[in-house]
Amino acid sequence: MNYILVADKQEADNIKIPKELKDNVKIITFGGWGDTAVIKKLSKMMLNHKLNKNDRFFNIGYVGSNEFPIGTAVTVGSAYKESPSHTVKEPPIKLDKQSKVKCYSSLNFVESTKHTGVFDMELYTLATFFPTIKSVKIVSDNLNYHEYKQVAIKKAWIDANTLLFNLMKK
């Protein structure tokens, strides 16, 4: 089974599964952003044996970026943990050899940083659960929470769905 992991219903509603994959794809929605929502949902599913080691996992969702313009869809190459309170750096997790895009996962919405790339709140945790996960992200803001609230990027979802299902076909 192929699982697409998303933070919320708004993201899930934008996923358009191709007919040929409908029987082999399920969407899991966490019901919120961040590590806590991911851990709560996935640990419950794992304890209830609803996921198996042969399953494939994909992530799609919104990110902020200081590198890419709003509306850009990217495939993530590496996931990093980003937290000012961590004194020990977590090792990066390589997700896609063809992509150079770095995704930094933070506990909070990122509005300033010393890094360039894309910024979310879940991917690093997802990658610790599923090291072979593939991820497609849509830039919804340029590190501005108020910008995120106002953006409408329907074309980006078309691009992101194409990237996602091409990854799934590999």
N, C-alpha and C. Protein backbone atom coordinates (compact mmCIF):
# COMPACT_ATOMS: atom_id res chain seq x y z
N MET A 1 0.84 -1.18 0.00
CA MET A 1 0.00 0.00 0.00
C MET A 1 0.89 1.24 0.00
N ASN A 2 0.45 2.27 -0.68
CA ASN A 2 1.10 3.57 -0.69
C ASN A 2 0.30 4.50 0.21
N TYR A 3 0.97 5.12 1.18
CA TYR A 3 0.32 6.07 2.08
C TYR A 3 0.84 7.47 1.81
N ILE A 4 -0.10 8.41 1.68
CA ILE A 4 0.25 9.81 1.55
C ILE A 4 -0.06 10.46 2.89
N LEU A 5 0.95 11.04 3.52
CA LEU A 5 0.83 11.62 4.85
C LEU A 5 0.74 13.14 4.74
N VAL A 6 -0.33 13.71 5.32
CA VAL A 6 -0.54 15.15 5.26
C VAL A 6 -0.96 15.68 6.62
N ALA A 7 -0.71 16.97 6.82
CA ALA A 7 -1.01 17.59 8.11
C ALA A 7 -2.51 17.78 8.34
N ASP A 8 -3.23 18.24 7.32
CA ASP A 8 -4.63 18.60 7.58
C ASP A 8 -5.53 18.32 6.39
N LYS A 9 -6.83 18.49 6.61
CA LYS A 9 -7.84 18.22 5.59
C LYS A 9 -7.68 19.11 4.37
N GLN A 10 -7.29 20.36 4.56
CA GLN A 10 -7.10 21.27 3.44
C GLN A 10 -6.07 20.70 2.46
N GLU A 11 -4.98 20.16 2.98
CA GLU A 11 -3.98 19.54 2.11
C GLU A 11 -4.54 18.27 1.47
N ALA A 12 -5.19 17.44 2.25
CA ALA A 12 -5.75 16.18 1.73
C ALA A 12 -6.74 16.42 0.60
N ASP A 13 -7.54 17.46 0.72
CA ASP A 13 -8.55 17.76 -0.30
C ASP A 13 -7.95 18.15 -1.64
N ASN A 14 -6.69 18.54 -1.65
CA ASN A 14 -6.02 18.95 -2.89
C ASN A 14 -5.29 17.81 -3.60
N ILE A 15 -5.28 16.63 -3.00
CA ILE A 15 -4.61 15.48 -3.61
C ILE A 15 -5.58 14.81 -4.58
N LYS A 16 -5.16 14.67 -5.82
CA LYS A 16 -5.98 14.05 -6.86
C LYS A 16 -5.32 12.74 -7.29
N ILE A 17 -5.77 11.64 -6.71
CA ILE A 17 -5.17 10.33 -6.99
C ILE A 17 -5.59 9.86 -8.38
N PRO A 18 -4.63 9.50 -9.24
CA PRO A 18 -4.96 8.98 -10.57
C PRO A 18 -5.76 7.68 -10.47
N LYS A 19 -6.63 7.46 -11.43
CA LYS A 19 -7.49 6.27 -11.43
C LYS A 19 -6.71 4.97 -11.27
N GLU A 20 -5.57 4.87 -11.97
CA GLU A 20 -4.79 3.62 -11.94
C GLU A 20 -4.16 3.34 -10.58
N LEU A 21 -4.11 4.34 -9.69
CA LEU A 21 -3.52 4.14 -8.36
C LEU A 21 -4.56 4.11 -7.23
N LYS A 22 -5.81 4.41 -7.54
CA LYS A 22 -6.86 4.56 -6.50
C LYS A 22 -6.92 3.39 -5.52
N ASP A 23 -6.77 2.15 -6.00
CA ASP A 23 -6.89 0.98 -5.12
C ASP A 23 -5.65 0.74 -4.27
N ASN A 24 -4.58 1.46 -4.56
CA ASN A 24 -3.32 1.21 -3.87
C ASN A 24 -2.78 2.44 -3.14
N VAL A 25 -3.64 3.43 -2.90
CA VAL A 25 -3.22 4.66 -2.23
C VAL A 25 -4.23 5.04 -1.15
N LYS A 26 -3.72 5.34 0.03
CA LYS A 26 -4.56 5.86 1.11
C LYS A 26 -3.92 7.13 1.65
N ILE A 27 -4.78 8.06 2.04
CA ILE A 27 -4.31 9.32 2.61
C ILE A 27 -4.49 9.27 4.12
N ILE A 28 -3.44 9.61 4.85
CA ILE A 28 -3.50 9.72 6.31
C ILE A 28 -3.36 11.20 6.66
N THR A 29 -4.35 11.72 7.37
CA THR A 29 -4.34 13.11 7.80
C THR A 29 -4.06 13.15 9.29
N PHE A 30 -3.13 14.00 9.71
CA PHE A 30 -2.75 14.08 11.12
C PHE A 30 -3.70 14.94 11.94
N GLY A 31 -4.42 15.83 11.30
CA GLY A 31 -5.34 16.69 12.02
C GLY A 31 -4.65 17.87 12.69
N GLY A 32 -3.45 18.18 12.25
CA GLY A 32 -2.73 19.32 12.81
C GLY A 32 -1.29 19.32 12.36
N TRP A 33 -0.62 20.41 12.63
CA TRP A 33 0.78 20.57 12.25
C TRP A 33 1.68 20.10 13.38
N GLY A 34 2.88 19.67 13.02
CA GLY A 34 3.93 19.45 14.00
C GLY A 34 4.12 18.02 14.47
N ASP A 35 5.22 17.88 15.24
CA ASP A 35 5.65 16.57 15.74
C ASP A 35 4.57 15.85 16.54
N THR A 36 3.89 16.58 17.41
CA THR A 36 2.91 15.94 18.30
C THR A 36 1.80 15.28 17.51
N ALA A 37 1.26 15.97 16.51
CA ALA A 37 0.19 15.40 15.69
C ALA A 37 0.68 14.16 14.95
N VAL A 38 1.90 14.21 14.41
CA VAL A 38 2.48 13.07 13.69
C VAL A 38 2.66 11.88 14.62
N ILE A 39 3.30 12.10 15.73
CA ILE A 39 3.59 11.00 16.67
C ILE A 39 2.31 10.38 17.20
N LYS A 40 1.35 11.20 17.54
CA LYS A 40 0.08 10.70 18.07
C LYS A 40 -0.62 9.79 17.06
N LYS A 41 -0.75 10.24 15.83
CA LYS A 41 -1.44 9.48 14.79
C LYS A 41 -0.69 8.22 14.39
N LEU A 42 0.61 8.35 14.10
CA LEU A 42 1.36 7.20 13.60
C LEU A 42 1.60 6.14 14.67
N SER A 43 1.87 6.56 15.91
CA SER A 43 2.09 5.55 16.95
C SER A 43 0.81 4.75 17.20
N LYS A 44 -0.33 5.41 17.14
CA LYS A 44 -1.61 4.70 17.31
C LYS A 44 -1.82 3.70 16.17
N MET A 45 -1.54 4.12 14.94
CA MET A 45 -1.69 3.22 13.80
C MET A 45 -0.72 2.04 13.87
N MET A 46 0.51 2.31 14.30
CA MET A 46 1.50 1.23 14.41
C MET A 46 1.13 0.25 15.52
N LEU A 47 0.67 0.76 16.64
CA LEU A 47 0.25 -0.11 17.74
C LEU A 47 -0.93 -0.98 17.35
N ASN A 48 -1.78 -0.48 16.47
CA ASN A 48 -2.94 -1.24 16.00
C ASN A 48 -2.62 -2.04 14.73
N HIS A 49 -1.36 -2.12 14.37
CA HIS A 49 -0.88 -2.91 13.22
C HIS A 49 -1.57 -2.53 11.91
N LYS A 50 -1.80 -1.23 11.73
CA LYS A 50 -2.45 -0.75 10.50
C LYS A 50 -1.44 -0.39 9.42
N LEU A 51 -0.16 -0.38 9.76
CA LEU A 51 0.89 -0.11 8.78
C LEU A 51 1.81 -1.31 8.76
N ASN A 52 2.38 -1.60 7.59
CA ASN A 52 3.30 -2.74 7.55
C ASN A 52 4.60 -2.38 6.85
N LYS A 53 5.61 -3.17 7.08
CA LYS A 53 6.96 -2.82 6.63
C LYS A 53 7.09 -2.74 5.11
N ASN A 54 6.18 -3.34 4.38
CA ASN A 54 6.23 -3.27 2.92
C ASN A 54 5.49 -2.06 2.35
N ASP A 55 4.82 -1.32 3.19
CA ASP A 55 4.12 -0.13 2.74
C ASP A 55 5.12 0.94 2.30
N ARG A 56 4.67 1.82 1.42
CA ARG A 56 5.49 2.95 0.97
C ARG A 56 4.84 4.23 1.46
N PHE A 57 5.69 5.20 1.85
CA PHE A 57 5.18 6.41 2.46
C PHE A 57 5.65 7.64 1.70
N PHE A 58 4.70 8.58 1.54
CA PHE A 58 4.92 9.82 0.82
C PHE A 58 4.33 10.94 1.65
N ASN A 59 4.91 12.11 1.53
CA ASN A 59 4.42 13.28 2.24
C ASN A 59 4.24 14.41 1.24
N ILE A 60 3.17 15.16 1.41
CA ILE A 60 2.95 16.34 0.59
C ILE A 60 2.36 17.40 1.50
N GLY A 61 2.76 18.64 1.29
CA GLY A 61 2.21 19.70 2.13
C GLY A 61 2.90 21.03 1.92
N TYR A 62 2.44 21.99 2.68
CA TYR A 62 2.93 23.36 2.58
C TYR A 62 4.23 23.57 3.35
N VAL A 63 5.03 24.47 2.83
CA VAL A 63 6.27 24.89 3.49
C VAL A 63 6.48 26.38 3.27
N GLY A 64 7.24 26.98 4.16
CA GLY A 64 7.74 28.32 3.93
C GLY A 64 9.09 28.18 3.24
N SER A 65 9.54 29.24 2.59
CA SER A 65 10.85 29.19 1.96
C SER A 65 11.44 30.59 1.81
N ASN A 66 12.76 30.65 2.00
CA ASN A 66 13.49 31.88 1.70
C ASN A 66 14.35 31.68 0.45
N GLU A 67 14.11 30.58 -0.26
CA GLU A 67 14.87 30.25 -1.46
C GLU A 67 13.98 30.18 -2.70
N PHE A 68 12.75 29.68 -2.56
CA PHE A 68 11.86 29.46 -3.69
C PHE A 68 10.66 30.40 -3.62
N PRO A 69 10.14 30.82 -4.77
CA PRO A 69 8.95 31.69 -4.77
C PRO A 69 7.68 30.94 -4.35
N ILE A 70 6.72 31.70 -3.85
CA ILE A 70 5.42 31.14 -3.49
C ILE A 70 4.81 30.47 -4.71
N GLY A 71 4.24 29.29 -4.49
CA GLY A 71 3.62 28.53 -5.57
C GLY A 71 4.53 27.51 -6.22
N THR A 72 5.78 27.44 -5.78
CA THR A 72 6.72 26.46 -6.32
C THR A 72 6.52 25.11 -5.63
N ALA A 73 6.48 24.04 -6.43
CA ALA A 73 6.42 22.68 -5.89
C ALA A 73 7.81 22.06 -6.04
N VAL A 74 8.32 21.47 -4.95
CA VAL A 74 9.66 20.88 -4.95
C VAL A 74 9.63 19.47 -4.37
N THR A 75 10.56 18.65 -4.83
CA THR A 75 10.81 17.35 -4.22
C THR A 75 11.94 17.55 -3.22
N VAL A 76 11.75 17.10 -2.00
CA VAL A 76 12.75 17.30 -0.94
C VAL A 76 13.87 16.27 -1.07
N GLY A 77 15.10 16.75 -0.98
CA GLY A 77 16.27 15.87 -1.03
C GLY A 77 16.70 15.39 0.33
N SER A 78 16.70 16.29 1.34
CA SER A 78 17.15 15.94 2.69
C SER A 78 16.29 16.63 3.73
N ALA A 79 16.07 15.92 4.85
CA ALA A 79 15.32 16.48 5.97
C ALA A 79 16.27 16.77 7.12
N TYR A 80 16.08 17.92 7.76
CA TYR A 80 16.90 18.36 8.88
C TYR A 80 15.99 18.74 10.03
N LYS A 81 16.48 18.58 11.24
CA LYS A 81 15.77 19.06 12.43
C LYS A 81 16.30 20.44 12.76
N GLU A 82 15.40 21.39 12.90
CA GLU A 82 15.81 22.77 13.19
C GLU A 82 15.11 23.24 14.45
N SER A 83 15.89 23.45 15.49
CA SER A 83 15.32 23.96 16.73
C SER A 83 16.37 24.72 17.50
N PRO A 84 16.10 25.97 17.83
CA PRO A 84 17.08 26.76 18.57
C PRO A 84 17.39 26.17 19.94
N SER A 85 16.49 25.38 20.50
CA SER A 85 16.72 24.84 21.84
C SER A 85 17.57 23.57 21.85
N HIS A 86 17.79 22.96 20.68
CA HIS A 86 18.61 21.75 20.63
C HIS A 86 20.10 22.11 20.72
N THR A 87 20.78 21.53 21.67
CA THR A 87 22.22 21.73 21.74
C THR A 87 22.95 20.64 20.97
N VAL A 88 22.28 19.51 20.75
CA VAL A 88 22.84 18.41 19.97
C VAL A 88 22.15 18.41 18.61
N LYS A 89 22.93 18.48 17.56
CA LYS A 89 22.36 18.50 16.22
C LYS A 89 21.98 17.08 15.79
N GLU A 90 20.76 16.95 15.30
CA GLU A 90 20.30 15.68 14.74
C GLU A 90 20.90 15.51 13.35
N PRO A 91 21.23 14.27 12.96
CA PRO A 91 21.80 14.08 11.62
C PRO A 91 20.74 14.28 10.54
N PRO A 92 21.13 14.81 9.38
CA PRO A 92 20.16 14.93 8.29
C PRO A 92 19.75 13.55 7.78
N ILE A 93 18.58 13.47 7.19
CA ILE A 93 18.08 12.22 6.61
C ILE A 93 17.92 12.45 5.12
N LYS A 94 18.63 11.66 4.32
CA LYS A 94 18.58 11.78 2.85
C LYS A 94 17.31 11.10 2.35
N LEU A 95 16.51 11.82 1.55
CA LEU A 95 15.24 11.29 1.06
C LEU A 95 15.23 11.04 -0.45
N ASP A 96 15.95 11.86 -1.20
CA ASP A 96 15.93 11.74 -2.65
C ASP A 96 17.29 12.17 -3.20
N LYS A 97 17.97 11.25 -3.86
CA LYS A 97 19.33 11.52 -4.35
C LYS A 97 19.37 12.57 -5.47
N GLN A 98 18.28 12.71 -6.24
CA GLN A 98 18.27 13.66 -7.34
C GLN A 98 18.01 15.10 -6.89
N SER A 99 17.44 15.29 -5.72
CA SER A 99 17.07 16.63 -5.28
C SER A 99 18.09 17.21 -4.31
N LYS A 100 18.37 18.49 -4.48
CA LYS A 100 19.27 19.21 -3.57
C LYS A 100 18.49 20.04 -2.54
N VAL A 101 17.16 19.98 -2.58
CA VAL A 101 16.32 20.80 -1.70
C VAL A 101 16.42 20.30 -0.26
N LYS A 102 16.74 21.22 0.64
CA LYS A 102 16.82 20.90 2.07
C LYS A 102 15.54 21.37 2.75
N CYS A 103 14.96 20.49 3.57
CA CYS A 103 13.77 20.85 4.34
C CYS A 103 14.14 20.82 5.82
N TYR A 104 13.94 21.94 6.48
CA TYR A 104 14.21 22.07 7.90
C TYR A 104 12.89 22.03 8.66
N SER A 105 12.75 21.04 9.54
CA SER A 105 11.54 20.91 10.34
C SER A 105 11.76 21.57 11.69
N SER A 106 10.81 22.41 12.07
CA SER A 106 10.91 23.18 13.29
C SER A 106 9.67 22.95 14.15
N LEU A 107 9.78 23.26 15.43
CA LEU A 107 8.64 23.14 16.32
C LEU A 107 7.61 24.24 16.08
N ASN A 108 8.04 25.33 15.48
CA ASN A 108 7.18 26.49 15.26
C ASN A 108 7.28 26.96 13.82
N PHE A 109 6.36 27.82 13.44
CA PHE A 109 6.38 28.45 12.13
C PHE A 109 7.68 29.27 12.02
N VAL A 110 8.47 29.03 10.99
CA VAL A 110 9.76 29.70 10.84
C VAL A 110 9.57 31.05 10.13
N GLU A 111 10.01 32.12 10.80
CA GLU A 111 9.94 33.45 10.19
C GLU A 111 11.32 34.06 9.97
N SER A 112 12.35 33.48 10.58
CA SER A 112 13.72 33.90 10.30
C SER A 112 14.64 32.72 10.59
N THR A 113 15.73 32.65 9.83
CA THR A 113 16.65 31.52 9.95
C THR A 113 17.96 31.86 9.27
N LYS A 114 19.00 31.12 9.65
CA LYS A 114 20.30 31.28 8.99
C LYS A 114 20.42 30.35 7.78
N HIS A 115 19.49 29.41 7.62
CA HIS A 115 19.53 28.43 6.53
C HIS A 115 18.74 28.91 5.32
N THR A 116 19.02 28.31 4.16
CA THR A 116 18.17 28.48 2.99
C THR A 116 17.58 27.13 2.64
N GLY A 117 16.38 27.15 2.13
CA GLY A 117 15.69 25.92 1.78
C GLY A 117 14.21 26.09 1.99
N VAL A 118 13.56 24.99 2.44
CA VAL A 118 12.14 25.04 2.77
C VAL A 118 11.98 24.64 4.23
N PHE A 119 10.87 25.08 4.84
CA PHE A 119 10.69 24.93 6.28
C PHE A 119 9.28 24.44 6.59
N ASP A 120 9.21 23.32 7.31
CA ASP A 120 7.92 22.78 7.71
C ASP A 120 7.96 22.42 9.19
N MET A 121 6.98 21.64 9.63
CA MET A 121 6.93 21.27 11.04
C MET A 121 6.83 19.76 11.26
N GLU A 122 6.85 18.95 10.16
CA GLU A 122 6.64 17.51 10.32
C GLU A 122 7.66 16.59 9.66
N LEU A 123 8.27 17.00 8.58
CA LEU A 123 9.00 16.05 7.73
C LEU A 123 10.10 15.29 8.47
N TYR A 124 10.87 15.96 9.29
CA TYR A 124 11.95 15.24 9.97
C TYR A 124 11.40 14.11 10.84
N THR A 125 10.33 14.38 11.55
CA THR A 125 9.71 13.33 12.38
C THR A 125 9.18 12.20 11.51
N LEU A 126 8.54 12.53 10.40
CA LEU A 126 8.05 11.50 9.48
C LEU A 126 9.22 10.63 8.98
N ALA A 127 10.33 11.28 8.66
CA ALA A 127 11.49 10.55 8.15
C ALA A 127 12.14 9.67 9.22
N THR A 128 11.98 10.01 10.49
CA THR A 128 12.50 9.12 11.54
C THR A 128 11.62 7.88 11.66
N PHE A 129 10.32 8.01 11.42
CA PHE A 129 9.43 6.85 11.38
C PHE A 129 9.68 6.02 10.13
N PHE A 130 9.81 6.70 8.98
CA PHE A 130 9.91 6.04 7.68
C PHE A 130 11.08 6.60 6.89
N PRO A 131 12.29 6.06 7.08
CA PRO A 131 13.48 6.62 6.43
C PRO A 131 13.46 6.61 4.90
N THR A 132 12.58 5.82 4.29
CA THR A 132 12.50 5.79 2.82
C THR A 132 11.38 6.68 2.27
N ILE A 133 10.81 7.52 3.12
CA ILE A 133 9.72 8.41 2.70
C ILE A 133 10.20 9.35 1.60
N LYS A 134 9.29 9.68 0.70
CA LYS A 134 9.53 10.70 -0.33
C LYS A 134 8.59 11.86 -0.03
N SER A 135 9.05 13.08 -0.31
CA SER A 135 8.27 14.25 0.07
C SER A 135 8.25 15.31 -1.03
N VAL A 136 7.06 15.82 -1.27
CA VAL A 136 6.85 16.94 -2.19
C VAL A 136 6.26 18.08 -1.37
N LYS A 137 6.82 19.25 -1.50
CA LYS A 137 6.36 20.41 -0.73
C LYS A 137 5.97 21.55 -1.66
N ILE A 138 5.00 22.34 -1.21
CA ILE A 138 4.52 23.50 -1.95
C ILE A 138 4.84 24.74 -1.12
N VAL A 139 5.54 25.68 -1.72
CA VAL A 139 5.89 26.91 -1.01
C VAL A 139 4.63 27.78 -0.91
N SER A 140 4.21 28.00 0.34
CA SER A 140 3.00 28.78 0.59
C SER A 140 3.30 30.18 1.11
N ASP A 141 4.54 30.40 1.50
CA ASP A 141 4.91 31.72 2.04
C ASP A 141 6.42 31.86 2.00
N ASN A 142 6.87 33.08 2.12
CA ASN A 142 8.31 33.33 2.20
C ASN A 142 8.68 33.74 3.61
N LEU A 143 8.40 32.81 4.56
CA LEU A 143 8.68 32.95 5.99
C LEU A 143 7.88 34.10 6.60
N ASN A 144 6.60 34.12 6.28
CA ASN A 144 5.70 35.13 6.81
C ASN A 144 4.35 34.48 7.07
N TYR A 145 3.99 34.32 8.35
CA TYR A 145 2.76 33.63 8.73
C TYR A 145 1.52 34.30 8.13
N HIS A 146 1.49 35.60 8.06
CA HIS A 146 0.32 36.31 7.52
C HIS A 146 0.20 36.10 6.02
N GLU A 147 1.33 35.96 5.35
CA GLU A 147 1.35 35.65 3.92
C GLU A 147 0.75 34.27 3.69
N TYR A 148 1.08 33.31 4.55
CA TYR A 148 0.56 31.95 4.44
C TYR A 148 -0.96 31.95 4.50
N LYS A 149 -1.51 32.70 5.39
CA LYS A 149 -2.96 32.74 5.57
C LYS A 149 -3.69 33.27 4.34
N GLN A 150 -3.01 34.06 3.50
CA GLN A 150 -3.68 34.72 2.38
C GLN A 150 -3.42 34.04 1.03
N VAL A 151 -2.49 33.14 0.96
CA VAL A 151 -2.07 32.63 -0.34
C VAL A 151 -3.06 31.61 -0.92
N ALA A 152 -3.26 31.68 -2.21
CA ALA A 152 -4.07 30.69 -2.93
C ALA A 152 -3.21 30.18 -4.07
N ILE A 153 -2.93 28.89 -4.08
CA ILE A 153 -1.97 28.37 -5.06
C ILE A 153 -2.47 27.07 -5.69
N LYS A 154 -3.58 27.14 -6.40
CA LYS A 154 -4.17 25.95 -7.02
C LYS A 154 -3.24 25.32 -8.06
N LYS A 155 -2.56 26.13 -8.89
CA LYS A 155 -1.68 25.57 -9.90
C LYS A 155 -0.53 24.79 -9.26
N ALA A 156 -0.06 25.25 -8.12
CA ALA A 156 1.02 24.54 -7.44
C ALA A 156 0.59 23.13 -7.04
N TRP A 157 -0.68 22.95 -6.69
CA TRP A 157 -1.16 21.61 -6.35
C TRP A 157 -1.15 20.68 -7.56
N ILE A 158 -1.42 21.23 -8.74
CA ILE A 158 -1.34 20.41 -9.96
C ILE A 158 0.10 19.94 -10.14
N ASP A 159 1.06 20.86 -10.02
CA ASP A 159 2.48 20.51 -10.14
C ASP A 159 2.90 19.51 -9.05
N ALA A 160 2.45 19.75 -7.82
CA ALA A 160 2.83 18.89 -6.70
C ALA A 160 2.25 17.49 -6.87
N ASN A 161 1.01 17.37 -7.32
CA ASN A 161 0.42 16.06 -7.56
C ASN A 161 1.20 15.30 -8.63
N THR A 162 1.61 16.00 -9.68
CA THR A 162 2.40 15.37 -10.74
C THR A 162 3.72 14.84 -10.17
N LEU A 163 4.44 15.68 -9.40
CA LEU A 163 5.69 15.23 -8.78
C LEU A 163 5.46 14.02 -7.87
N LEU A 164 4.43 14.11 -7.03
CA LEU A 164 4.13 13.04 -6.08
C LEU A 164 3.86 11.72 -6.77
N PHE A 165 2.98 11.73 -7.76
CA PHE A 165 2.62 10.46 -8.40
C PHE A 165 3.72 9.94 -9.32
N ASN A 166 4.60 10.80 -9.81
CA ASN A 166 5.78 10.32 -10.53
C ASN A 166 6.72 9.60 -9.56
N LEU A 167 6.88 10.13 -8.35
CA LEU A 167 7.69 9.44 -7.32
C LEU A 167 7.09 8.09 -6.98
N MET A 168 5.77 8.04 -6.91
CA MET A 168 5.08 6.82 -6.54
C MET A 168 5.25 5.73 -7.60
N LYS A 169 5.38 6.14 -8.84
CA LYS A 169 5.49 5.17 -9.95
C LYS A 169 6.90 4.56 -10.05
N LYS A 170 7.88 5.14 -9.36
CA LYS A 170 9.27 4.63 -9.41
C LYS A 170 9.39 3.33 -8.66
